[in-house]
Structure formats: C-alpha cells, structure tokens
Amino acid sequence: MQLMSSSFGHKQPIPAQFAFGAPDPAAHVSLSTNRNPHLRWTGVPSTARSLVLLCVDTDVPTRPDDVNQEGRTVPADLPRTDFYHWVMVDIPPAVSEIKAAVCSDGIVAKGKREPQGPAGSRQGLNDYTLWFAGDAGMGGQYFGYDGPCPPWNDALLHHYHFILFAIDLPRCPVDGDFTGAQVRQAIAKHVLAEAKLTGTYSLNPAVK
C-alpha cells in the first residue's frame, strides 16, 4: 500500500493550518485552525475487510519538567514516548481518500464528541484527553483528529506518523472510548498490509 497527501510530502513539514498550535512570536504558540490534512491511499489488498488509520507523534517528552518553561529547553536526548493525534477504525476498504478539513476544522474546547469521518467508521480518543485532564477550560474527551502542538521549547523536531492498516476484520475489536494503544493491540495479529506517511512539525524557531 501507499499513503500520500496533497497537504505535505513524506518527511516534510506539516503546514500550520493542520496543527493544533501555531508559532507566535510574542506568546510562543497560539491556537491554529486544526484542520485534518488530505490523505489518499492505493494498493489496498483485495482481502482487506476494513482499514484503520492512526496518527502518532513518537517524539513526546517523557518528563514535563522543562516543557513550555521560559528560560529552559527540553533536551533533544530526553527519552521520548508516543502521543496519538488520530484514531480511526472500521473504514470501509472501498474508501481511498479523506479530504482536508472534512474530519476536523477548528479546535473544540473539551473535545469533539462526534467527529466526521467516512460512513461506517468510528473514531477513538486522542491523547489530548490526557494532556488537558484537570484543565477547567479544556479538559474533556478528545475524539477524532487534533493536530500537532509540540512544546515550543523542545530542541527535537517532532515526527508525526500517519499509518494506514488493512486488516482482515470487518470490525476492529475495540469498544467504548478506545485509544490508539488499544487499537494497536487489537489489530496486531490481523494486519494484511500497512503504509506510512510522516510529517514533521516544531514550534521552536531554532529547530528546522
């Protein structure tokens, strides 16, 4: 399979319109338009029963000590972990494209409850659910796509991996408010093919 986008190229910067946070010269970061990028794919196996789409940032700091703190920098050599930005399952195998801004077009405080998606698909929680937990204005359940917003003082360029899986199940065996990690575990033995498109993003003007 091959996964492509007219919004950005493989291993190229993701435009700010597809991010949660945009660079701001005064405040370091401001809220962006948070649109989902365009995605298109080819080569789905004829035996696929459904598709799964994930977007994961694999460069998230494992310690919050220095994150977004004036006069401090998140060191590039700090151990990193995964942060899921999009979790979608049960995409019909006949679907081959998701247009830009049709699943997300703006930031919804406390999260989108019923994000748009291909007919029959289901969308899980992204990790802004954990990030904003306890925040009176933003805390809630974040379903669907919410784009990049890495620490503005991170010395490391973040990589956002959009991964499409073709699986042999008509329905992904997850229910309720499922997460990206739960989906990965559920489909581990059912993947027929996968494709990856990687974009980069940073809010640190010193990082290219």
C-alpha atoms as a PDB file:
ATOM      1  CA  MET A   1       0.000   0.000   0.000  1.00  0.00           C
ATOM      2  CA  GLN A   2       1.000   3.615  -0.432  1.00  0.00           C
ATOM      3  CA  LEU A   3      -0.231   6.574   1.650  1.00  0.00           C
ATOM      4  CA  MET A   4       0.035  10.076   0.190  1.00  0.00           C
ATOM      5  CA  SER A   5      -1.112  13.634   0.870  1.00  0.00           C
ATOM      6  CA  SER A   6      -1.501  16.847  -1.092  1.00  0.00           C
ATOM      7  CA  SER A   7      -1.149  18.715   2.220  1.00  0.00           C
ATOM      8  CA  PHE A   8       2.524  17.811   2.824  1.00  0.00           C
ATOM      9  CA  GLY A   9       5.187  15.479   1.494  1.00  0.00           C
ATOM     10  CA  HIS A  10       6.781  12.479   3.186  1.00  0.00           C
ATOM     11  CA  LYS A  11       9.292  13.653   5.819  1.00  0.00           C
ATOM     12  CA  GLN A  12       8.397  17.282   5.026  1.00  0.00           C
ATOM     13  CA  PRO A  13       6.983  19.968   7.372  1.00  0.00           C
ATOM     14  CA  ILE A  14       3.261  19.905   8.115  1.00  0.00           C
ATOM     15  CA  PRO A  15       1.696  23.343   7.412  1.00  0.00           C
ATOM     16  CA  ALA A  16       0.403  25.162  10.493  1.00  0.00           C
ATOM     17  CA  GLN A  17      -3.198  25.041   9.244  1.00  0.00           C
ATOM     18  CA  PHE A  18      -3.178  21.308  10.025  1.00  0.00           C
ATOM     19  CA  ALA A  19      -1.830  21.842  13.560  1.00  0.00           C
ATOM     20  CA  PHE A  20      -3.425  22.491  16.939  1.00  0.00           C
ATOM     21  CA  GLY A  21      -0.812  25.118  17.788  1.00  0.00           C
ATOM     22  CA  ALA A  22       0.895  27.653  15.505  1.00  0.00           C
ATOM     23  CA  PRO A  23       4.104  29.633  16.151  1.00  0.00           C
ATOM     24  CA  ASP A  24       3.534  33.026  17.760  1.00  0.00           C
ATOM     25  CA  PRO A  25       6.428  35.489  18.049  1.00  0.00           C
ATOM     26  CA  ALA A  26       5.027  37.047  21.225  1.00  0.00           C
ATOM     27  CA  ALA A  27       3.408  34.158  23.112  1.00  0.00           C
ATOM     28  CA  HIS A  28       5.477  31.320  21.524  1.00  0.00           C
ATOM     29  CA  VAL A  29       2.290  29.495  20.497  1.00  0.00           C
ATOM     30  CA  SER A  30      -1.288  30.358  19.545  1.00  0.00           C
ATOM     31  CA  LEU A  31      -4.252  28.174  18.646  1.00  0.00           C
ATOM     32  CA  SER A  32      -4.321  27.207  14.978  1.00  0.00           C
ATOM     33  CA  THR A  33      -7.046  26.128  12.534  1.00  0.00           C
ATOM     34  CA  ASN A  34      -6.594  22.442  13.428  1.00  0.00           C
ATOM     35  CA  ARG A  35      -7.715  21.017  10.094  1.00  0.00           C
ATOM     36  CA  ASN A  36      -7.103  17.385   9.259  1.00  0.00           C
ATOM     37  CA  PRO A  37      -4.737  17.002   6.294  1.00  0.00           C
ATOM     38  CA  HIS A  38      -5.689  15.424   2.981  1.00  0.00           C
ATOM     39  CA  LEU A  39      -4.872  11.712   2.761  1.00  0.00           C
ATOM     40  CA  ARG A  40      -5.097   9.325  -0.184  1.00  0.00           C
ATOM     41  CA  TRP A  41      -4.053   5.704  -0.485  1.00  0.00           C
ATOM     42  CA  THR A  42      -3.655   2.977  -3.094  1.00  0.00           C
ATOM     43  CA  GLY A  43      -2.850  -0.728  -3.169  1.00  0.00           C
ATOM     44  CA  VAL A  44      -5.304  -1.971  -0.529  1.00  0.00           C
ATOM     45  CA  PRO A  45      -5.304  -5.807  -0.614  1.00  0.00           C
ATOM     46  CA  SER A  46      -8.445  -7.335  -2.119  1.00  0.00           C
ATOM     47  CA  THR A  47      -8.778  -9.459   1.031  1.00  0.00           C
ATOM     48  CA  ALA A  48      -8.975  -6.440   3.367  1.00  0.00           C
ATOM     49  CA  ARG A  49     -12.207  -6.269   5.345  1.00  0.00           C
ATOM     50  CA  SER A  50     -11.616  -2.815   6.847  1.00  0.00           C
ATOM     51  CA  LEU A  51      -8.984  -0.103   7.305  1.00  0.00           C
ATOM     52  CA  VAL A  52      -7.512   1.532  10.400  1.00  0.00           C
ATOM     53  CA  LEU A  53      -5.909   4.989  10.431  1.00  0.00           C
ATOM     54  CA  LEU A  54      -3.641   6.273  13.186  1.00  0.00           C
ATOM     55  CA  CYS A  55      -1.575   9.423  13.604  1.00  0.00           C
ATOM     56  CA  VAL A  56       1.105   9.263  16.289  1.00  0.00           C
ATOM     57  CA  ASP A  57       3.861  11.626  17.383  1.00  0.00           C
ATOM     58  CA  THR A  58       6.752   9.432  18.551  1.00  0.00           C
ATOM     59  CA  ASP A  59       8.834  12.319  19.960  1.00  0.00           C
ATOM     60  CA  VAL A  60       6.834  13.426  23.015  1.00  0.00           C
ATOM     61  CA  PRO A  61       8.934  14.161  26.133  1.00  0.00           C
ATOM     62  CA  THR A  62       8.623  11.589  28.906  1.00  0.00           C
ATOM     63  CA  ARG A  63       9.167  14.237  31.607  1.00  0.00           C
ATOM     64  CA  PRO A  64       7.273  17.546  31.826  1.00  0.00           C
ATOM     65  CA  ASP A  65       9.842  19.400  33.947  1.00  0.00           C
ATOM     66  CA  ASP A  66      11.060  21.763  31.198  1.00  0.00           C
ATOM     67  CA  VAL A  67       8.046  21.721  28.876  1.00  0.00           C
ATOM     68  CA  ASN A  68       6.982  25.238  27.810  1.00  0.00           C
ATOM     69  CA  GLN A  69       9.039  26.882  30.575  1.00  0.00           C
ATOM     70  CA  GLU A  70      10.646  30.263  29.953  1.00  0.00           C
ATOM     71  CA  GLY A  71      14.423  30.174  30.002  1.00  0.00           C
ATOM     72  CA  ARG A  72      14.550  26.394  29.736  1.00  0.00           C
ATOM     73  CA  THR A  73      14.857  23.887  26.894  1.00  0.00           C
ATOM     74  CA  VAL A  74      13.535  20.361  26.550  1.00  0.00           C
ATOM     75  CA  PRO A  75      16.759  18.474  25.714  1.00  0.00           C
ATOM     76  CA  ALA A  76      16.828  16.514  22.467  1.00  0.00           C
ATOM     77  CA  ASP A  77      18.299  13.447  24.196  1.00  0.00           C
ATOM     78  CA  LEU A  78      15.416  13.139  26.675  1.00  0.00           C
ATOM     79  CA  PRO A  79      13.660   9.748  26.341  1.00  0.00           C
ATOM     80  CA  ARG A  80      10.503  10.036  24.234  1.00  0.00           C
ATOM     81  CA  THR A  81       7.108   8.341  24.063  1.00  0.00           C
ATOM     82  CA  ASP A  82       4.046   8.137  21.788  1.00  0.00           C
ATOM     83  CA  PHE A  83       1.194  10.647  21.594  1.00  0.00           C
ATOM     84  CA  TYR A  84      -1.796   9.705  19.439  1.00  0.00           C
ATOM     85  CA  HIS A  85      -3.383  12.530  17.442  1.00  0.00           C
ATOM     86  CA  TRP A  86      -5.928  10.485  15.468  1.00  0.00           C
ATOM     87  CA  VAL A  87      -7.501   7.059  15.940  1.00  0.00           C
ATOM     88  CA  MET A  88      -9.996   5.849  13.327  1.00  0.00           C
ATOM     89  CA  VAL A  89     -11.234   2.291  12.766  1.00  0.00           C
ATOM     90  CA  ASP A  90     -13.788   0.465  10.582  1.00  0.00           C
ATOM     91  CA  ILE A  91     -13.000   2.496   7.474  1.00  0.00           C
ATOM     92  CA  PRO A  92     -14.597   0.630   4.536  1.00  0.00           C
ATOM     93  CA  PRO A  93     -11.911  -0.807   2.219  1.00  0.00           C
ATOM     94  CA  ALA A  94     -13.579   0.888  -0.761  1.00  0.00           C
ATOM     95  CA  VAL A  95     -12.687   4.311   0.704  1.00  0.00           C
ATOM     96  CA  SER A  96      -9.429   5.635  -0.740  1.00  0.00           C
ATOM     97  CA  GLU A  97      -9.307   9.274   0.302  1.00  0.00           C
ATOM     98  CA  ILE A  98     -10.025  11.681   3.149  1.00  0.00           C
ATOM     99  CA  LYS A  99     -10.211  15.293   2.048  1.00  0.00           C
ATOM    100  CA  ALA A 100      -8.615  18.095   4.045  1.00  0.00           C
ATOM    101  CA  ALA A 101     -10.741  19.678   6.794  1.00  0.00           C
ATOM    102  CA  VAL A 102     -13.664  17.245   6.472  1.00  0.00           C
ATOM    103  CA  CYS A 103     -12.947  15.449   9.777  1.00  0.00           C
ATOM    104  CA  SER A 104     -11.606  18.426  11.728  1.00  0.00           C
ATOM    105  CA  ASP A 105     -11.807  22.155  11.030  1.00  0.00           C
ATOM    106  CA  GLY A 106     -11.086  24.105  14.196  1.00  0.00           C
ATOM    107  CA  ILE A 107     -10.446  23.496  17.876  1.00  0.00           C
ATOM    108  CA  VAL A 108     -13.327  22.423  20.092  1.00  0.00           C
ATOM    109  CA  ALA A 109     -12.721  23.112  23.781  1.00  0.00           C
ATOM    110  CA  LYS A 110     -13.211  19.902  25.777  1.00  0.00           C
ATOM    111  CA  GLY A 111     -13.002  17.892  22.547  1.00  0.00           C
ATOM    112  CA  LYS A 112     -15.160  16.921  19.580  1.00  0.00           C
ATOM    113  CA  ARG A 113     -17.850  14.478  20.642  1.00  0.00           C
ATOM    114  CA  GLU A 114     -18.887  13.160  17.217  1.00  0.00           C
ATOM    115  CA  PRO A 115     -16.198  13.983  14.646  1.00  0.00           C
ATOM    116  CA  GLN A 116     -16.955  13.496  10.978  1.00  0.00           C
ATOM    117  CA  GLY A 117     -15.481  10.534   9.119  1.00  0.00           C
ATOM    118  CA  PRO A 118     -16.144   8.046   6.313  1.00  0.00           C
ATOM    119  CA  ALA A 119     -19.530   6.325   6.571  1.00  0.00           C
ATOM    120  CA  GLY A 120     -19.335   3.380   8.953  1.00  0.00           C
ATOM    121  CA  SER A 121     -16.081   4.448  10.596  1.00  0.00           C
ATOM    122  CA  ARG A 122     -15.568   5.000  14.312  1.00  0.00           C
ATOM    123  CA  GLN A 123     -13.099   7.403  15.938  1.00  0.00           C
ATOM    124  CA  GLY A 124     -11.378   6.916  19.270  1.00  0.00           C
ATOM    125  CA  LEU A 125      -9.797   9.195  21.831  1.00  0.00           C
ATOM    126  CA  ASN A 126      -6.629  11.064  21.033  1.00  0.00           C
ATOM    127  CA  ASP A 127      -4.102  11.883  23.726  1.00  0.00           C
ATOM    128  CA  TYR A 128      -5.173  15.489  24.239  1.00  0.00           C
ATOM    129  CA  THR A 129      -7.690  13.774  26.519  1.00  0.00           C
ATOM    130  CA  LEU A 130      -4.824  13.078  28.936  1.00  0.00           C
ATOM    131  CA  TRP A 131      -2.913  16.281  28.211  1.00  0.00           C
ATOM    132  CA  PHE A 132      -5.850  18.526  29.182  1.00  0.00           C
ATOM    133  CA  ALA A 133      -7.101  16.367  32.083  1.00  0.00           C
ATOM    134  CA  GLY A 134      -7.819  18.616  35.047  1.00  0.00           C
ATOM    135  CA  ASP A 135      -7.874  21.813  32.958  1.00  0.00           C
ATOM    136  CA  ALA A 136     -11.123  23.623  33.740  1.00  0.00           C
ATOM    137  CA  GLY A 137     -11.417  25.221  30.309  1.00  0.00           C
ATOM    138  CA  MET A 138     -10.077  22.467  28.078  1.00  0.00           C
ATOM    139  CA  GLY A 139     -10.417  19.193  29.977  1.00  0.00           C
ATOM    140  CA  GLY A 140     -12.651  16.599  28.307  1.00  0.00           C
ATOM    141  CA  GLN A 141     -12.731  13.696  25.866  1.00  0.00           C
ATOM    142  CA  TYR A 142     -10.968  14.475  22.605  1.00  0.00           C
ATOM    143  CA  PHE A 143     -12.247  12.254  19.790  1.00  0.00           C
ATOM    144  CA  GLY A 144     -11.015  12.335  16.208  1.00  0.00           C
ATOM    145  CA  TYR A 145      -8.176  14.445  14.839  1.00  0.00           C
ATOM    146  CA  ASP A 146      -6.401  17.158  16.780  1.00  0.00           C
ATOM    147  CA  GLY A 147      -3.144  18.231  15.225  1.00  0.00           C
ATOM    148  CA  PRO A 148       0.438  18.941  16.329  1.00  0.00           C
ATOM    149  CA  CYS A 149       1.305  21.184  19.248  1.00  0.00           C
ATOM    150  CA  PRO A 150       4.754  20.126  20.485  1.00  0.00           C
ATOM    151  CA  PRO A 151       6.468  22.056  23.311  1.00  0.00           C
ATOM    152  CA  TRP A 152       7.613  25.428  21.962  1.00  0.00           C
ATOM    153  CA  ASN A 153      10.978  24.988  23.690  1.00  0.00           C
ATOM    154  CA  ASP A 154      11.703  21.445  22.503  1.00  0.00           C
ATOM    155  CA  ALA A 155      15.141  21.049  20.920  1.00  0.00           C
ATOM    156  CA  LEU A 156      13.921  17.997  18.984  1.00  0.00           C
ATOM    157  CA  LEU A 157      11.967  18.112  15.724  1.00  0.00           C
ATOM    158  CA  HIS A 158       8.753  16.099  16.140  1.00  0.00           C
ATOM    159  CA  HIS A 159       7.706  13.420  13.655  1.00  0.00           C
ATOM    160  CA  TYR A 160       4.028  12.677  13.009  1.00  0.00           C
ATOM    161  CA  HIS A 161       3.388   9.258  11.515  1.00  0.00           C
ATOM    162  CA  PHE A 162       0.099   8.736   9.674  1.00  0.00           C
ATOM    163  CA  ILE A 163      -0.252   4.964   9.436  1.00  0.00           C
ATOM    164  CA  LEU A 164      -2.897   3.090   7.462  1.00  0.00           C
ATOM    165  CA  PHE A 165      -3.528  -0.582   8.211  1.00  0.00           C
ATOM    166  CA  ALA A 166      -5.519  -3.007   6.060  1.00  0.00           C
ATOM    167  CA  ILE A 167      -6.914  -5.700   8.338  1.00  0.00           C
ATOM    168  CA  ASP A 168      -8.800  -8.966   7.904  1.00  0.00           C
ATOM    169  CA  LEU A 169     -11.630  -7.973  10.254  1.00  0.00           C
ATOM    170  CA  PRO A 170     -14.804  -6.120   9.209  1.00  0.00           C
ATOM    171  CA  ARG A 171     -14.929  -4.503  12.653  1.00  0.00           C
ATOM    172  CA  CYS A 172     -11.987  -3.579  14.844  1.00  0.00           C
ATOM    173  CA  PRO A 173     -12.457  -5.375  18.203  1.00  0.00           C
ATOM    174  CA  VAL A 174     -12.493  -2.255  20.396  1.00  0.00           C
ATOM    175  CA  ASP A 175     -15.474  -0.596  22.015  1.00  0.00           C
ATOM    176  CA  GLY A 176     -16.363   2.439  24.081  1.00  0.00           C
ATOM    177  CA  ASP A 177     -13.828   5.237  24.409  1.00  0.00           C
ATOM    178  CA  PHE A 178     -10.945   3.346  22.839  1.00  0.00           C
ATOM    179  CA  THR A 179      -7.384   4.628  22.453  1.00  0.00           C
ATOM    180  CA  GLY A 180      -4.634   4.276  19.893  1.00  0.00           C
ATOM    181  CA  ALA A 181      -2.680   1.852  22.061  1.00  0.00           C
ATOM    182  CA  GLN A 182      -5.763  -0.344  22.441  1.00  0.00           C
ATOM    183  CA  VAL A 183      -6.294  -0.384  18.677  1.00  0.00           C
ATOM    184  CA  ARG A 184      -2.667  -1.337  18.011  1.00  0.00           C
ATOM    185  CA  GLN A 185      -3.006  -4.259  20.397  1.00  0.00           C
ATOM    186  CA  ALA A 186      -6.372  -5.334  18.970  1.00  0.00           C
ATOM    187  CA  ILE A 187      -5.197  -5.474  15.350  1.00  0.00           C
ATOM    188  CA  ALA A 188      -1.699  -6.863  15.954  1.00  0.00           C
ATOM    189  CA  LYS A 189      -2.487 -10.313  14.519  1.00  0.00           C
ATOM    190  CA  HIS A 190      -4.856  -9.101  11.795  1.00  0.00           C
ATOM    191  CA  VAL A 191      -2.759  -6.732   9.653  1.00  0.00           C
ATOM    192  CA  LEU A 192      -2.599  -7.619   5.961  1.00  0.00           C
ATOM    193  CA  ALA A 193      -0.658  -4.530   4.870  1.00  0.00           C
ATOM    194  CA  GLU A 194       0.305  -1.102   6.143  1.00  0.00           C
ATOM    195  CA  ALA A 195       1.520   2.210   4.763  1.00  0.00           C
ATOM    196  CA  LYS A 196       3.095   5.217   6.472  1.00  0.00           C
ATOM    197  CA  LEU A 197       3.334   8.923   5.698  1.00  0.00           C
ATOM    198  CA  THR A 198       5.499  11.016   8.030  1.00  0.00           C
ATOM    199  CA  GLY A 199       5.353  14.774   8.518  1.00  0.00           C
ATOM    200  CA  THR A 200       7.426  16.993  10.788  1.00  0.00           C
ATOM    201  CA  TYR A 201       6.494  19.942  12.995  1.00  0.00           C
ATOM    202  CA  SER A 202       8.072  22.275  15.530  1.00  0.00           C
ATOM    203  CA  LEU A 203       7.060  25.419  17.390  1.00  0.00           C
ATOM    204  CA  ASN A 204      10.682  26.180  18.252  1.00  0.00           C
ATOM    205  CA  PRO A 205      12.071  28.736  15.750  1.00  0.00           C
ATOM    206  CA  ALA A 206      15.578  27.355  16.366  1.00  0.00           C
ATOM    207  CA  VAL A 207      14.568  23.894  15.133  1.00  0.00           C
ATOM    208  CA  LYS A 208      14.355  23.110  11.430  1.00  0.00           C
END
